[in-house]
Amino acid sequence: MAAPAPGAGTETDPRPVAGRIRYWAAAKAAAGTAEEPYRAATLAEALAGARARHARRPEFAQVLLRSSFLVDGHPVGSRDHTKVPLAAGGTVEVLPPFAGG
């Protein structure tokens, strides 16, 4: 498999790139794993792939609905997930609501 061209996964070059999704707390329990690879151009595509991989775990999709996300250490906040590009070798962190303080 050829490496993506520089800039792949950006808004100007929407080709899929490879990276990792890390799950924390309830997301980790719902996914049944701490992390897994993705191949996607945007956060929306990466999450859709994760939902498909875990379709037999309905609690997983529910946890994603309540979660916040970091892409390469940067909070996604309320941005449209279809507009959040992923970089080659990047990391998506799935952070469900945490109890306590």
C-alpha atoms as a PDB file:
ATOM      1  CA  MET A   1       0.000   0.000   0.000  1.00  0.00           C
ATOM      2  CA  ALA A   2       1.457   3.353  -1.016  1.00  0.00           C
ATOM      3  CA  ALA A   3       1.803   6.099   1.552  1.00  0.00           C
ATOM      4  CA  PRO A   4      -0.605   9.002   1.117  1.00  0.00           C
ATOM      5  CA  ALA A   5       0.741  12.083  -0.571  1.00  0.00           C
ATOM      6  CA  PRO A   6       1.672  15.039   1.609  1.00  0.00           C
ATOM      7  CA  GLY A   7      -1.473  16.931   2.454  1.00  0.00           C
ATOM      8  CA  ALA A   8      -3.749  13.906   2.014  1.00  0.00           C
ATOM      9  CA  GLY A   9      -6.651  14.050   4.414  1.00  0.00           C
ATOM     10  CA  THR A  10      -6.857  17.860   4.315  1.00  0.00           C
ATOM     11  CA  GLU A  11      -9.880  19.818   3.134  1.00  0.00           C
ATOM     12  CA  THR A  12      -8.066  20.470  -0.156  1.00  0.00           C
ATOM     13  CA  ASP A  13      -7.050  16.812  -0.571  1.00  0.00           C
ATOM     14  CA  PRO A  14      -9.775  14.568   0.879  1.00  0.00           C
ATOM     15  CA  ARG A  15      -8.061  11.209   0.298  1.00  0.00           C
ATOM     16  CA  PRO A  16      -8.271   8.721   3.171  1.00  0.00           C
ATOM     17  CA  VAL A  17      -5.266   8.420   5.459  1.00  0.00           C
ATOM     18  CA  ALA A  18      -4.347   5.861   8.104  1.00  0.00           C
ATOM     19  CA  GLY A  19      -4.234   6.601  11.810  1.00  0.00           C
ATOM     20  CA  ARG A  20      -5.426   5.322  15.193  1.00  0.00           C
ATOM     21  CA  ILE A  21      -8.545   5.795  17.278  1.00  0.00           C
ATOM     22  CA  ARG A  22      -8.028   5.590  21.045  1.00  0.00           C
ATOM     23  CA  TYR A  23     -10.978   4.870  23.295  1.00  0.00           C
ATOM     24  CA  TRP A  24     -11.154   5.957  26.927  1.00  0.00           C
ATOM     25  CA  ALA A  25     -13.308   4.831  29.873  1.00  0.00           C
ATOM     26  CA  ALA A  26     -16.859   3.872  28.772  1.00  0.00           C
ATOM     27  CA  ALA A  27     -15.863   4.136  25.099  1.00  0.00           C
ATOM     28  CA  LYS A  28     -13.099   1.580  25.670  1.00  0.00           C
ATOM     29  CA  ALA A  29     -15.537  -0.758  27.422  1.00  0.00           C
ATOM     30  CA  ALA A  30     -18.167  -0.348  24.692  1.00  0.00           C
ATOM     31  CA  ALA A  31     -15.641  -0.919  21.881  1.00  0.00           C
ATOM     32  CA  GLY A  32     -14.028  -3.858  23.637  1.00  0.00           C
ATOM     33  CA  THR A  33     -10.595  -2.449  22.781  1.00  0.00           C
ATOM     34  CA  ALA A  34      -8.367   0.442  23.799  1.00  0.00           C
ATOM     35  CA  GLU A  35      -7.485   1.425  20.237  1.00  0.00           C
ATOM     36  CA  GLU A  36      -7.801   0.431  16.613  1.00  0.00           C
ATOM     37  CA  PRO A  37      -6.703   1.688  13.211  1.00  0.00           C
ATOM     38  CA  TYR A  38      -8.778   3.823  10.895  1.00  0.00           C
ATOM     39  CA  ARG A  39      -8.502   4.759   7.239  1.00  0.00           C
ATOM     40  CA  ALA A  40     -10.484   7.926   6.573  1.00  0.00           C
ATOM     41  CA  ALA A  41     -10.184  11.498   5.342  1.00  0.00           C
ATOM     42  CA  THR A  42     -12.392  13.111   7.997  1.00  0.00           C
ATOM     43  CA  LEU A  43     -13.446  12.531  11.576  1.00  0.00           C
ATOM     44  CA  ALA A  44     -16.972  11.717  10.351  1.00  0.00           C
ATOM     45  CA  GLU A  45     -15.602   8.947   8.107  1.00  0.00           C
ATOM     46  CA  ALA A  46     -13.420   7.518  10.882  1.00  0.00           C
ATOM     47  CA  LEU A  47     -16.357   7.427  13.302  1.00  0.00           C
ATOM     48  CA  ALA A  48     -18.648   5.874  10.674  1.00  0.00           C
ATOM     49  CA  GLY A  49     -16.065   3.134  10.151  1.00  0.00           C
ATOM     50  CA  ALA A  50     -15.827   2.561  13.895  1.00  0.00           C
ATOM     51  CA  ARG A  51     -19.631   2.347  14.183  1.00  0.00           C
ATOM     52  CA  ALA A  52     -19.685  -0.227  11.369  1.00  0.00           C
ATOM     53  CA  ARG A  53     -16.920  -2.304  12.992  1.00  0.00           C
ATOM     54  CA  HIS A  54     -18.810  -2.327  16.299  1.00  0.00           C
ATOM     55  CA  ALA A  55     -22.341  -2.651  14.903  1.00  0.00           C
ATOM     56  CA  ARG A  56     -22.976  -5.681  17.115  1.00  0.00           C
ATOM     57  CA  ARG A  57     -22.357  -3.528  20.196  1.00  0.00           C
ATOM     58  CA  PRO A  58     -25.279  -1.066  20.306  1.00  0.00           C
ATOM     59  CA  GLU A  59     -23.876   0.605  23.422  1.00  0.00           C
ATOM     60  CA  PHE A  60     -20.871   1.723  21.349  1.00  0.00           C
ATOM     61  CA  ALA A  61     -22.950   4.019  19.128  1.00  0.00           C
ATOM     62  CA  GLN A  62     -24.655   5.433  22.228  1.00  0.00           C
ATOM     63  CA  VAL A  63     -21.313   6.237  23.864  1.00  0.00           C
ATOM     64  CA  LEU A  64     -20.129   8.002  20.695  1.00  0.00           C
ATOM     65  CA  LEU A  65     -23.200  10.244  20.795  1.00  0.00           C
ATOM     66  CA  ARG A  66     -22.192  11.494  24.264  1.00  0.00           C
ATOM     67  CA  SER A  67     -18.439  11.682  23.648  1.00  0.00           C
ATOM     68  CA  SER A  68     -16.117  14.525  22.835  1.00  0.00           C
ATOM     69  CA  PHE A  69     -13.153  14.109  20.514  1.00  0.00           C
ATOM     70  CA  LEU A  70      -9.558  15.201  20.203  1.00  0.00           C
ATOM     71  CA  VAL A  71      -7.805  15.032  16.840  1.00  0.00           C
ATOM     72  CA  ASP A  72      -4.040  15.047  17.230  1.00  0.00           C
ATOM     73  CA  GLY A  73      -4.448  16.615  20.660  1.00  0.00           C
ATOM     74  CA  HIS A  74      -6.804  19.393  19.520  1.00  0.00           C
ATOM     75  CA  PRO A  75     -10.416  19.531  20.773  1.00  0.00           C
ATOM     76  CA  VAL A  76     -13.022  19.156  18.038  1.00  0.00           C
ATOM     77  CA  GLY A  77     -15.722  20.916  20.048  1.00  0.00           C
ATOM     78  CA  SER A  78     -18.888  21.654  18.103  1.00  0.00           C
ATOM     79  CA  ARG A  79     -17.221  21.610  14.657  1.00  0.00           C
ATOM     80  CA  ASP A  80     -18.944  19.599  11.946  1.00  0.00           C
ATOM     81  CA  HIS A  81     -17.186  16.207  11.908  1.00  0.00           C
ATOM     82  CA  THR A  82     -17.357  16.151   8.097  1.00  0.00           C
ATOM     83  CA  LYS A  83     -15.140  19.263   8.102  1.00  0.00           C
ATOM     84  CA  VAL A  84     -12.481  17.911  10.485  1.00  0.00           C
ATOM     85  CA  PRO A  85      -9.651  16.506   8.331  1.00  0.00           C
ATOM     86  CA  LEU A  86      -7.402  13.722   9.564  1.00  0.00           C
ATOM     87  CA  ALA A  87      -3.637  13.658   9.023  1.00  0.00           C
ATOM     88  CA  ALA A  88      -1.618  10.590   8.049  1.00  0.00           C
ATOM     89  CA  GLY A  89      -0.440   8.848  11.213  1.00  0.00           C
ATOM     90  CA  GLY A  90      -2.837  10.910  13.306  1.00  0.00           C
ATOM     91  CA  THR A  91      -4.735  10.022  16.452  1.00  0.00           C
ATOM     92  CA  VAL A  92      -8.393  10.452  17.303  1.00  0.00           C
ATOM     93  CA  GLU A  93      -9.196  10.301  21.030  1.00  0.00           C
ATOM     94  CA  VAL A  94     -12.753   9.363  22.019  1.00  0.00           C
ATOM     95  CA  LEU A  95     -13.569  10.861  25.421  1.00  0.00           C
ATOM     96  CA  PRO A  96     -16.901   9.910  26.961  1.00  0.00           C
ATOM     97  CA  PRO A  97     -18.237  12.019  29.830  1.00  0.00           C
ATOM     98  CA  PHE A  98     -16.225  11.307  32.965  1.00  0.00           C
ATOM     99  CA  ALA A  99     -17.674  11.183  36.477  1.00  0.00           C
ATOM    100  CA  GLY A 100     -15.981  13.006  39.297  1.00  0.00           C
ATOM    101  CA  GLY A 101     -13.757  16.024  39.093  1.00  0.00           C
END
